[in-house]
Amino acid sequence: MSKKVAIVTLGCPKNQVDSEIMTGKIGEKYQVTLDPAVAEIIIINTCTFIESAKAESIEMILELAQYKEDGKCQTLVATGCLAQRYGDELLEEIPELDGIMGTGDITAILETIEKAEKGRVRNVGDETPAFLYDESMPRVRLTPNYYAYVKVAEGCDNYCTYCVIPHVRGHFRSRKEESILEEVRNMANEGVKEILLIAQDTTRYGKDLYGEYTLPRLIRKIAKIDGIEWIRLMYCYPELFSDELIQVMKEIPQVCAYVDLPLQHAHNKVLKEMNRRGTIEEAEELINKLRREIPDIRIRTTMITGFPGETEEEFEAVLDFARRISFDRLGAFAYSQEESTPAAQREDQIPVEIREERRQKLMELQMDIAYARQQRWVGRTLKVLIEEKSLDGRWIGRTEGDAPEIDGVVYVNSPRELTIGNFVQVKISEADSYDLVGDVVL
C-alpha cells in the first residue's frame, strides 16, 4: 500500500496552484491526504513575500516537524518561495527537514520525495526559475469544485525595490492562450463556475508571447466557454489597464464588476522610489473611468506603510487618497525590509513601530470608508454564490464583488435548503464594513 502524503500550502493563490500541480504529480505514486497527522510524508509549500510570511513559513515547518516525533511522518520537505530563497539555510538550521525544492522544480516533486526518503536533498536550480505549467500537467484542485484559480503567467519583470518575487519566481512569462482555454474548458466540464485569473502582473499577459497585451482577447474567449458564469481579475497593474480591458469588463456579463489594483502608495516620490510605473494621478484617472463605465464595480487595492524615507506628509497623502477615492476594499502592509532588495539597503529605514502605527491608522480609516461604501447595497437584490451553511442555520455566500478568502461574505436567510455551489438572488437588508446580510428571493 502506498504511503500517504500531505501538502500544506501557505501564501497566495499563485502558490496554491503550484500545490495543486504537485498534488497531481504526487497522486501518481502516493495517496494524498489533507491531514498531516496521518501522513508519512509532509510537503510544506512556503511563502517569503514579507517578513511575517517568512516567519509563518518557518513556524509551520517547525510545527509540522513535530509529526516526525509524535506521529507517522518520516519525511518532511519544504518547497516554494522560502525554499527557493533560503533553502541552504533551512537545511542547516532545521535538522528535521529532509529536503527542499525550489519554485522552478515543481515537476520534480516525486524525484525530490524519493531522494528525501533516503537522505537529505537540495533540489533548487541555480539558474533563474523558468517553470511554466500547462493544461497537460496533472492537477488536483484544492478549492471547492465550483471555483478555480487559473495562472495565466508566471514570474515578474517589475523589480519593485521592496520585492523579492522576480528573484524567487523568475522573469515574466505568459502561458499560451490555447493552453489556458483548454484548461478552462476542462474545468467547466468538471463543474467550475467561477474562474479567477491570476499572475504576478495579470495585465501584462501576452506581451512576451504575442508582442501585445492580450488579456482582453483572452477574456473574450473564456467568456464563450459554456458553464463559466464569473471571470474575476486579480493583480492588475494600473498602468497597463487599457480602455479595451475596461470595455471587455463592461460588455461581457461573465466578467465580475470587481478589480484588484495593487497601488502600494499614493505619493509620486515614494512610488518612484519603489520603482512603480505611472503616477498616482493616472491611477486616480483610471479609477474614475472604471466607476464611470461600470458604476457597480468594487475596487480593491493594497498599500505599504513605512517605506524607507516615508515622511508624515507622504503618509498623509495615502490617507487623503484613501478618503478621496473611497476604495471598496483596501489592505495594508507595514513595509518589510527584505534583504537583497534595493529598499533594504537604504539607511533611512522607518522604525518598525511607526510602520505598524501607520498601517493601523490607515486600516481604521478604511473601516469607516468601507462601511459607507457597503450601505449602497442595502435594499438591492444581488446574485450570490452559496458556499456553506453556518451553525446558526444561515447560509454563507459571495457576490461578484467578493473574492474568495480575501473579501467579505453574504449571510443569507432562507426558508428552504440551498445548494452549495449554486447561485441565488438575495435581497440585502444589512451591511457592515465587510459583510452583507440578506434574504433569498423565492
Protein backbone atom coordinates (compact mmCIF):
# COMPACT_ATOMS: atom_id res chain seq x y z
CA MET A 1 0.00 0.00 0.00
CA SER A 2 1.42 3.38 -1.00
CA LYS A 3 2.39 5.98 1.58
CA LYS A 4 0.21 8.94 2.45
CA VAL A 5 1.40 12.43 1.53
CA ALA A 6 0.00 15.71 2.86
CA ILE A 7 0.64 19.13 1.30
CA VAL A 8 0.32 22.23 3.48
CA THR A 9 0.12 25.48 1.48
CA LEU A 10 0.97 28.96 2.71
CA GLY A 11 0.86 32.29 0.88
CA CYS A 12 -1.06 33.45 -2.15
CA PRO A 13 -3.35 31.72 -4.67
CA LYS A 14 -0.41 31.51 -7.08
CA ASN A 15 1.26 29.23 -4.54
CA GLN A 16 -1.92 27.21 -4.25
CA VAL A 17 -1.89 26.46 -7.98
CA ASP A 18 1.65 25.12 -7.57
CA SER A 19 0.44 22.88 -4.73
CA GLU A 20 -2.40 21.61 -6.91
CA ILE A 21 0.07 20.67 -9.65
CA MET A 22 2.35 18.94 -7.13
CA THR A 23 -0.68 17.11 -5.71
CA GLY A 24 -1.48 15.84 -9.20
CA LYS A 25 2.05 14.51 -9.60
CA ILE A 26 2.15 13.02 -6.10
CA GLY A 27 -1.14 11.19 -6.73
CA GLU A 28 0.57 9.17 -9.46
CA LYS A 29 2.54 7.25 -6.84
CA TYR A 30 1.21 8.06 -3.36
CA GLN A 31 -2.07 8.52 -1.52
CA VAL A 32 -2.87 12.20 -0.96
CA THR A 33 -4.37 13.23 2.39
CA LEU A 34 -5.44 16.61 3.75
CA ASP A 35 -4.46 15.61 7.29
CA PRO A 36 -0.72 15.87 8.14
CA ALA A 37 -1.31 13.85 11.30
CA VAL A 38 -1.84 10.66 9.28
CA ALA A 39 0.81 11.27 6.61
CA GLU A 40 4.14 9.52 6.32
CA ILE A 41 5.38 12.33 4.07
CA ILE A 42 4.58 16.04 4.53
CA ILE A 43 5.25 18.76 1.95
CA ILE A 44 5.03 22.40 3.02
CA ASN A 45 4.75 24.95 0.22
CA THR A 46 6.19 28.14 1.73
CA CYS A 47 5.93 31.91 1.19
CA THR A 48 8.57 34.61 1.53
CA PHE A 49 6.77 37.76 0.34
CA ILE A 50 7.20 39.76 3.56
CA GLU A 51 8.77 39.16 6.97
CA SER A 52 5.54 37.91 8.55
CA ALA A 53 5.11 35.39 5.72
CA LYS A 54 8.66 34.11 6.26
CA ALA A 55 8.02 33.82 9.98
CA GLU A 56 4.77 31.93 9.38
CA SER A 57 6.51 29.55 7.00
CA ILE A 58 9.31 28.79 9.46
CA GLU A 59 6.85 28.35 12.33
CA MET A 60 4.80 25.95 10.21
CA ILE A 61 7.88 23.93 9.26
CA LEU A 62 8.76 23.59 12.96
CA GLU A 63 5.16 22.72 13.85
CA LEU A 64 4.97 20.05 11.17
CA ALA A 65 8.36 18.73 12.25
CA GLN A 66 6.66 17.66 15.49
CA TYR A 67 4.85 14.98 13.49
CA LYS A 68 8.21 13.32 12.91
CA GLU A 69 8.48 12.85 16.66
CA ASP A 70 4.84 12.34 17.61
CA GLY A 71 3.16 10.88 14.57
CA LYS A 72 3.64 8.75 11.50
CA CYS A 73 5.65 11.28 9.50
CA GLN A 74 9.01 10.03 8.27
CA THR A 75 9.85 12.66 5.63
CA LEU A 76 9.43 16.45 5.67
CA VAL A 77 10.09 18.56 2.54
CA ALA A 78 9.86 22.35 2.11
CA THR A 79 9.04 23.79 -1.32
CA GLY A 80 8.02 27.21 -2.64
CA CYS A 81 9.43 30.70 -2.37
CA LEU A 82 11.14 30.42 1.03
CA ALA A 83 12.83 27.19 -0.06
CA GLN A 84 13.93 28.83 -3.31
CA ARG A 85 15.41 31.80 -1.47
CA TYR A 86 16.75 30.30 1.76
CA GLY A 87 16.99 26.59 1.04
CA ASP A 88 20.53 26.05 2.27
CA GLU A 89 19.84 27.98 5.48
CA LEU A 90 16.68 25.97 6.10
CA LEU A 91 18.54 22.68 5.75
CA GLU A 92 21.27 23.92 8.04
CA GLU A 93 19.03 25.36 10.75
CA ILE A 94 16.21 22.80 10.79
CA PRO A 95 17.62 19.26 11.11
CA GLU A 96 14.12 17.73 10.93
CA LEU A 97 13.86 18.94 7.33
CA ASP A 98 14.73 16.16 4.87
CA GLY A 99 14.62 18.15 1.66
CA ILE A 100 13.99 21.44 -0.13
CA MET A 101 12.73 22.13 -3.62
CA GLY A 102 12.63 25.43 -5.50
CA THR A 103 9.84 27.14 -7.43
CA GLY A 104 11.33 26.12 -10.78
CA ASP A 105 11.47 22.42 -9.93
CA ILE A 106 7.80 21.59 -9.30
CA THR A 107 7.63 18.76 -11.84
CA ALA A 108 10.45 17.00 -9.95
CA ILE A 109 8.39 16.62 -6.75
CA LEU A 110 8.30 12.81 -6.98
CA GLU A 111 12.06 12.64 -7.50
CA THR A 112 12.58 15.04 -4.59
CA ILE A 113 10.42 12.93 -2.27
CA GLU A 114 12.18 9.72 -3.25
CA LYS A 115 15.61 11.22 -2.58
CA ALA A 116 14.44 12.82 0.68
CA GLU A 117 13.26 9.43 1.93
CA LYS A 118 16.82 8.12 1.59
CA GLY A 119 18.76 11.19 2.78
CA ARG A 120 18.75 14.97 2.82
CA VAL A 121 18.24 16.53 -0.62
CA ARG A 122 18.60 20.02 -2.09
CA ASN A 123 16.64 20.39 -5.32
CA VAL A 124 16.90 24.10 -6.10
CA GLY A 125 18.09 25.06 -9.57
CA ASP A 126 20.98 27.51 -9.67
CA GLU A 127 19.51 29.32 -12.66
CA THR A 128 16.55 31.71 -12.67
CA PRO A 129 13.33 29.68 -12.26
CA ALA A 130 11.68 29.08 -15.63
CA PHE A 131 8.92 26.57 -14.84
CA LEU A 132 5.57 27.25 -16.52
CA TYR A 133 2.69 24.83 -16.16
CA ASP A 134 0.28 23.90 -18.92
CA GLU A 135 -3.05 22.12 -19.23
CA SER A 136 -1.45 18.73 -19.83
CA MET A 137 0.07 18.53 -16.36
CA PRO A 138 -1.82 16.57 -13.72
CA ARG A 139 -3.53 18.98 -11.32
CA VAL A 140 -5.79 18.24 -8.37
CA ARG A 141 -7.74 21.36 -7.41
CA LEU A 142 -7.85 22.02 -3.69
CA THR A 143 -10.54 24.68 -3.94
CA PRO A 144 -14.27 23.85 -3.81
CA ASN A 145 -15.40 22.34 -7.11
CA TYR A 146 -17.26 25.47 -8.27
CA TYR A 147 -14.30 27.89 -8.47
CA ALA A 148 -10.70 27.66 -9.60
CA TYR A 149 -7.59 29.76 -9.98
CA VAL A 150 -6.03 29.95 -13.43
CA LYS A 151 -2.48 31.22 -13.53
CA VAL A 152 -2.09 32.97 -16.89
CA ALA A 153 1.59 33.82 -16.39
CA GLU A 154 4.48 33.22 -14.04
CA GLY A 155 7.28 35.43 -12.75
CA CYS A 156 7.70 39.19 -12.78
CA ASP A 157 9.84 41.80 -14.53
CA ASN A 158 8.78 44.84 -12.49
CA TYR A 159 11.58 44.75 -9.92
CA CYS A 160 9.86 46.92 -7.34
CA THR A 161 12.60 47.96 -4.95
CA TYR A 162 10.98 46.29 -1.92
CA CYS A 163 10.10 42.96 -3.54
CA VAL A 164 11.94 39.65 -3.96
CA ILE A 165 9.40 37.97 -6.27
CA PRO A 166 11.45 38.34 -9.51
CA HIS A 167 14.34 36.61 -7.74
CA VAL A 168 12.30 33.66 -6.46
CA ARG A 169 9.86 33.32 -9.36
CA GLY A 170 11.96 34.37 -12.36
CA HIS A 171 11.19 36.55 -15.35
CA PHE A 172 7.62 37.22 -16.51
CA ARG A 173 6.42 34.53 -18.90
CA SER A 174 2.90 34.09 -20.28
CA ARG A 175 1.20 30.79 -20.89
CA LYS A 176 -0.04 30.15 -24.41
CA GLU A 177 -3.62 31.24 -24.94
CA GLU A 178 -4.80 27.83 -26.12
CA SER A 179 -3.29 26.15 -23.07
CA ILE A 180 -5.31 28.44 -20.80
CA LEU A 181 -8.52 27.96 -22.80
CA GLU A 182 -8.17 24.19 -22.80
CA GLU A 183 -7.66 24.22 -19.04
CA VAL A 184 -10.76 26.38 -18.53
CA ARG A 185 -12.82 24.12 -20.82
CA ASN A 186 -11.79 21.12 -18.74
CA MET A 187 -12.67 22.98 -15.54
CA ALA A 188 -16.07 23.98 -16.91
CA ASN A 189 -16.76 20.34 -17.78
CA GLU A 190 -15.97 19.46 -14.16
CA GLY A 191 -18.49 21.98 -12.83
CA VAL A 192 -16.33 25.06 -12.23
CA LYS A 193 -18.43 28.23 -12.47
CA GLU A 194 -16.00 30.93 -11.34
CA ILE A 195 -12.55 31.45 -12.87
CA LEU A 196 -10.05 33.68 -11.07
CA LEU A 197 -7.34 34.88 -13.46
CA ILE A 198 -4.07 35.39 -11.59
CA ALA A 199 -0.41 36.20 -12.22
CA GLN A 200 2.18 38.42 -10.59
CA ASP A 201 1.09 41.08 -13.10
CA THR A 202 -2.07 39.92 -14.85
CA THR A 203 -2.50 42.96 -17.11
CA ARG A 204 0.92 42.24 -18.68
CA TYR A 205 -0.39 38.94 -20.07
CA GLY A 206 0.59 38.16 -23.65
CA LYS A 207 3.20 40.86 -24.25
CA ASP A 208 6.15 38.45 -24.20
CA LEU A 209 4.41 35.88 -26.43
CA TYR A 210 2.37 37.96 -28.84
CA GLY A 211 4.05 41.36 -28.78
CA GLU A 212 0.94 42.99 -27.36
CA TYR A 213 -1.17 42.90 -24.21
CA THR A 214 -3.81 40.28 -24.98
CA LEU A 215 -5.72 39.89 -21.71
CA PRO A 216 -8.90 41.40 -23.25
CA ARG A 217 -8.78 38.88 -26.10
CA LEU A 218 -8.25 36.02 -23.67
CA ILE A 219 -11.21 37.09 -21.54
CA ARG A 220 -13.50 37.28 -24.58
CA LYS A 221 -12.60 33.69 -25.46
CA ILE A 222 -13.02 32.40 -21.91
CA ALA A 223 -16.46 34.04 -21.75
CA LYS A 224 -17.60 31.87 -24.68
CA ILE A 225 -16.95 28.65 -22.73
CA ASP A 226 -20.23 27.14 -21.55
CA GLY A 227 -20.64 26.89 -17.79
CA ILE A 228 -18.36 29.76 -16.77
CA GLU A 229 -20.54 32.38 -15.05
CA TRP A 230 -17.94 34.54 -13.31
CA ILE A 231 -14.49 35.65 -14.52
CA ARG A 232 -12.56 37.54 -11.85
CA LEU A 233 -9.44 39.66 -12.42
CA MET A 234 -6.75 39.72 -9.74
CA TYR A 235 -3.37 41.51 -9.52
CA CYS A 236 -3.92 44.08 -12.27
CA TYR A 237 -1.27 46.80 -12.51
CA PRO A 238 -2.96 50.16 -13.18
CA GLU A 239 -0.59 51.49 -15.85
CA LEU A 240 -1.43 48.58 -18.18
CA PHE A 241 -5.18 48.68 -17.57
CA SER A 242 -6.34 49.64 -21.07
CA ASP A 243 -9.57 51.14 -22.35
CA GLU A 244 -10.07 47.88 -24.25
CA LEU A 245 -9.96 45.95 -20.99
CA ILE A 246 -12.50 48.31 -19.45
CA GLN A 247 -14.78 47.75 -22.45
CA VAL A 248 -14.47 43.98 -22.05
CA MET A 249 -15.44 44.26 -18.39
CA LYS A 250 -18.35 46.50 -19.31
CA GLU A 251 -19.68 44.44 -22.23
CA ILE A 252 -19.23 40.85 -21.07
CA PRO A 253 -21.67 39.87 -18.30
CA GLN A 254 -19.49 37.00 -17.05
CA VAL A 255 -16.69 39.39 -16.06
CA CYS A 256 -17.15 40.32 -12.42
CA ALA A 257 -17.60 44.01 -11.65
CA TYR A 258 -14.51 43.72 -9.49
CA VAL A 259 -10.86 44.54 -9.92
CA ASP A 260 -7.77 44.23 -7.77
CA LEU A 261 -5.38 47.17 -8.39
CA PRO A 262 -2.30 46.95 -6.14
CA LEU A 263 -1.24 50.63 -5.96
CA GLN A 264 1.13 50.36 -2.94
CA HIS A 265 1.35 54.13 -2.30
CA ALA A 266 -0.27 57.47 -3.14
CA HIS A 267 2.70 59.85 -3.27
CA ASN A 268 4.63 60.10 -6.54
CA LYS A 269 8.02 60.49 -4.88
CA VAL A 270 7.54 57.26 -2.93
CA LEU A 271 6.12 55.46 -5.97
CA LYS A 272 9.21 56.42 -7.96
CA GLU A 273 11.48 55.18 -5.17
CA MET A 274 9.51 51.93 -5.16
CA ASN A 275 10.15 51.67 -8.93
CA ARG A 276 6.42 51.65 -9.58
CA ARG A 277 5.45 52.84 -13.03
CA GLY A 278 2.88 55.57 -13.56
CA THR A 279 1.71 58.35 -11.29
CA ILE A 280 -0.98 58.49 -8.64
CA GLU A 281 -2.88 60.98 -10.81
CA GLU A 282 -3.00 58.41 -13.61
CA ALA A 283 -4.21 55.77 -11.17
CA GLU A 284 -6.96 58.10 -9.95
CA GLU A 285 -7.99 58.82 -13.52
CA LEU A 286 -8.25 55.07 -14.18
CA ILE A 287 -10.38 54.51 -11.07
CA ASN A 288 -12.71 57.35 -12.04
CA LYS A 289 -13.02 55.91 -15.54
CA LEU A 290 -13.77 52.43 -14.20
CA ARG A 291 -16.51 53.83 -11.98
CA ARG A 292 -17.99 55.87 -14.81
CA GLU A 293 -18.10 52.92 -17.19
CA ILE A 294 -19.00 50.23 -14.61
CA PRO A 295 -20.95 52.02 -11.85
CA ASP A 296 -21.30 48.95 -9.59
CA ILE A 297 -17.63 47.96 -9.75
CA ARG A 298 -15.86 47.06 -6.50
CA ILE A 299 -12.24 48.17 -6.45
CA ARG A 300 -9.65 46.59 -4.16
CA THR A 301 -6.13 47.90 -3.55
CA THR A 302 -3.15 47.37 -1.26
CA MET A 303 -0.90 49.97 0.32
CA ILE A 304 2.50 49.77 2.03
CA THR A 305 3.11 51.94 5.08
CA GLY A 306 6.51 52.97 6.40
CA PHE A 307 8.53 52.56 3.20
CA PRO A 308 12.11 53.84 3.77
CA GLY A 309 12.18 57.62 4.00
CA GLU A 310 8.38 57.96 4.08
CA THR A 311 7.62 61.27 5.76
CA GLU A 312 4.48 62.14 7.71
CA GLU A 313 3.44 64.29 4.75
CA GLU A 314 3.87 61.38 2.35
CA PHE A 315 1.88 59.08 4.61
CA GLU A 316 -0.84 61.74 4.90
CA ALA A 317 -1.03 61.62 1.09
CA VAL A 318 -2.04 57.96 1.41
CA LEU A 319 -4.76 58.82 3.93
CA ASP A 320 -6.01 61.71 1.78
CA PHE A 321 -6.09 59.47 -1.29
CA ALA A 322 -7.99 56.75 0.56
CA ARG A 323 -10.56 59.30 1.73
CA ARG A 324 -10.93 60.81 -1.73
CA ILE A 325 -11.18 57.53 -3.64
CA SER A 326 -13.20 55.56 -1.05
CA PHE A 327 -12.00 52.09 -2.02
CA ASP A 328 -14.47 49.29 -1.54
CA ARG A 329 -11.64 47.11 -0.24
CA LEU A 330 -8.20 48.16 0.97
CA GLY A 331 -5.49 46.06 2.57
CA ALA A 332 -2.32 47.48 4.08
CA PHE A 333 1.10 46.01 4.82
CA ALA A 334 3.69 47.54 7.09
CA TYR A 335 6.88 47.73 4.99
CA SER A 336 9.05 44.63 5.32
CA GLN A 337 12.81 45.08 4.95
CA GLU A 338 13.67 42.24 2.59
CA GLU A 339 17.38 41.57 2.33
CA SER A 340 18.97 41.82 -1.12
CA THR A 341 16.36 44.34 -2.25
CA PRO A 342 17.39 47.94 -3.04
CA ALA A 343 14.97 49.37 -0.46
CA ALA A 344 16.53 47.24 2.27
CA GLN A 345 19.94 48.84 1.64
CA ARG A 346 18.67 52.32 2.42
CA GLU A 347 19.79 53.95 5.63
CA ASP A 348 16.56 55.88 6.18
CA GLN A 349 14.53 52.90 7.42
CA ILE A 350 11.38 53.83 9.34
CA PRO A 351 11.16 52.29 12.85
CA VAL A 352 9.03 49.15 12.84
CA GLU A 353 6.59 50.54 15.40
CA ILE A 354 5.91 53.61 13.21
CA ARG A 355 5.34 51.42 10.15
CA GLU A 356 2.75 49.47 12.14
CA GLU A 357 1.14 52.58 13.65
CA ARG A 358 0.64 53.98 10.16
CA ARG A 359 -0.81 50.69 8.94
CA GLN A 360 -3.30 50.62 11.79
CA LYS A 361 -4.28 54.24 11.20
CA LEU A 362 -4.93 53.55 7.53
CA MET A 363 -6.97 50.43 8.28
CA GLU A 364 -9.07 52.26 10.88
CA LEU A 365 -9.85 54.92 8.28
CA GLN A 366 -10.67 52.23 5.71
CA MET A 367 -13.11 50.52 8.07
CA ASP A 368 -15.27 53.65 8.12
CA ILE A 369 -14.93 54.13 4.36
CA ALA A 370 -15.85 50.51 3.64
CA TYR A 371 -18.88 50.75 5.93
CA ALA A 372 -20.15 53.76 3.99
CA ARG A 373 -19.49 52.06 0.63
CA GLN A 374 -21.32 48.91 1.71
CA GLN A 375 -24.55 50.76 2.53
CA ARG A 376 -25.33 51.23 -1.16
CA TRP A 377 -26.23 47.55 -1.41
CA VAL A 378 -28.94 47.67 1.26
CA GLY A 379 -32.34 47.24 -0.40
CA ARG A 380 -30.85 45.85 -3.59
CA THR A 381 -31.04 42.28 -4.90
CA LEU A 382 -27.69 40.67 -5.71
CA LYS A 383 -26.56 37.42 -7.29
CA VAL A 384 -24.88 35.30 -4.60
CA LEU A 385 -22.80 32.12 -4.91
CA ILE A 386 -23.67 29.84 -1.96
CA GLU A 387 -20.60 28.29 -0.27
CA GLU A 388 -21.57 26.86 3.11
CA LYS A 389 -24.16 26.66 5.87
CA SER A 390 -23.32 28.28 9.20
CA LEU A 391 -24.01 26.82 12.63
CA ASP A 392 -26.81 29.35 13.21
CA GLY A 393 -28.71 27.99 10.21
CA ARG A 394 -27.92 30.81 7.82
CA TRP A 395 -26.19 30.22 4.50
CA ILE A 396 -22.94 31.94 3.57
CA GLY A 397 -22.06 33.07 0.08
CA ARG A 398 -20.30 35.69 -2.02
CA THR A 399 -21.31 38.32 -4.54
CA GLU A 400 -19.28 39.09 -7.65
CA GLY A 401 -17.71 41.82 -5.53
CA ASP A 402 -16.08 39.34 -3.15
CA ALA A 403 -13.00 37.31 -3.98
CA PRO A 404 -12.81 34.03 -2.02
CA GLU A 405 -10.85 34.09 1.26
CA ILE A 406 -9.93 37.77 0.73
CA ASP A 407 -13.10 39.82 0.86
CA GLY A 408 -16.38 39.68 2.77
CA VAL A 409 -19.33 37.31 2.59
CA VAL A 410 -23.11 37.45 2.47
CA TYR A 411 -25.15 35.83 5.27
CA VAL A 412 -28.30 34.52 3.64
CA ASN A 413 -31.57 33.73 5.39
CA SER A 414 -33.58 31.12 3.54
CA PRO A 415 -36.70 29.14 4.47
CA ARG A 416 -35.61 26.34 2.13
CA GLU A 417 -32.45 24.32 1.67
CA LEU A 418 -29.96 25.82 -0.73
CA THR A 419 -27.32 24.01 -2.79
CA ILE A 420 -23.66 24.77 -2.22
CA GLY A 421 -22.07 25.92 -5.47
CA ASN A 422 -25.32 27.32 -6.88
CA PHE A 423 -26.31 30.93 -7.42
CA VAL A 424 -29.33 32.54 -5.78
CA GLN A 425 -30.81 36.03 -5.74
CA VAL A 426 -30.56 37.72 -2.34
CA LYS A 427 -32.21 40.96 -1.20
CA ILE A 428 -29.76 42.77 1.07
CA SER A 429 -31.11 44.04 4.40
CA GLU A 430 -27.95 44.92 6.36
CA ALA A 431 -24.31 45.82 5.72
CA ASP A 432 -21.22 46.36 7.84
CA SER A 433 -17.65 47.19 6.75
CA TYR A 434 -17.04 43.74 5.29
CA ASP A 435 -20.15 41.59 5.12
CA LEU A 436 -23.76 41.75 3.95
CA VAL A 437 -26.93 40.16 5.29
CA GLY A 438 -30.00 39.37 3.20
CA ASP A 439 -32.93 37.11 2.40
CA VAL A 440 -33.13 34.72 -0.51
CA VAL A 441 -35.63 35.79 -3.14
CA LEU A 442 -38.00 32.89 -3.68
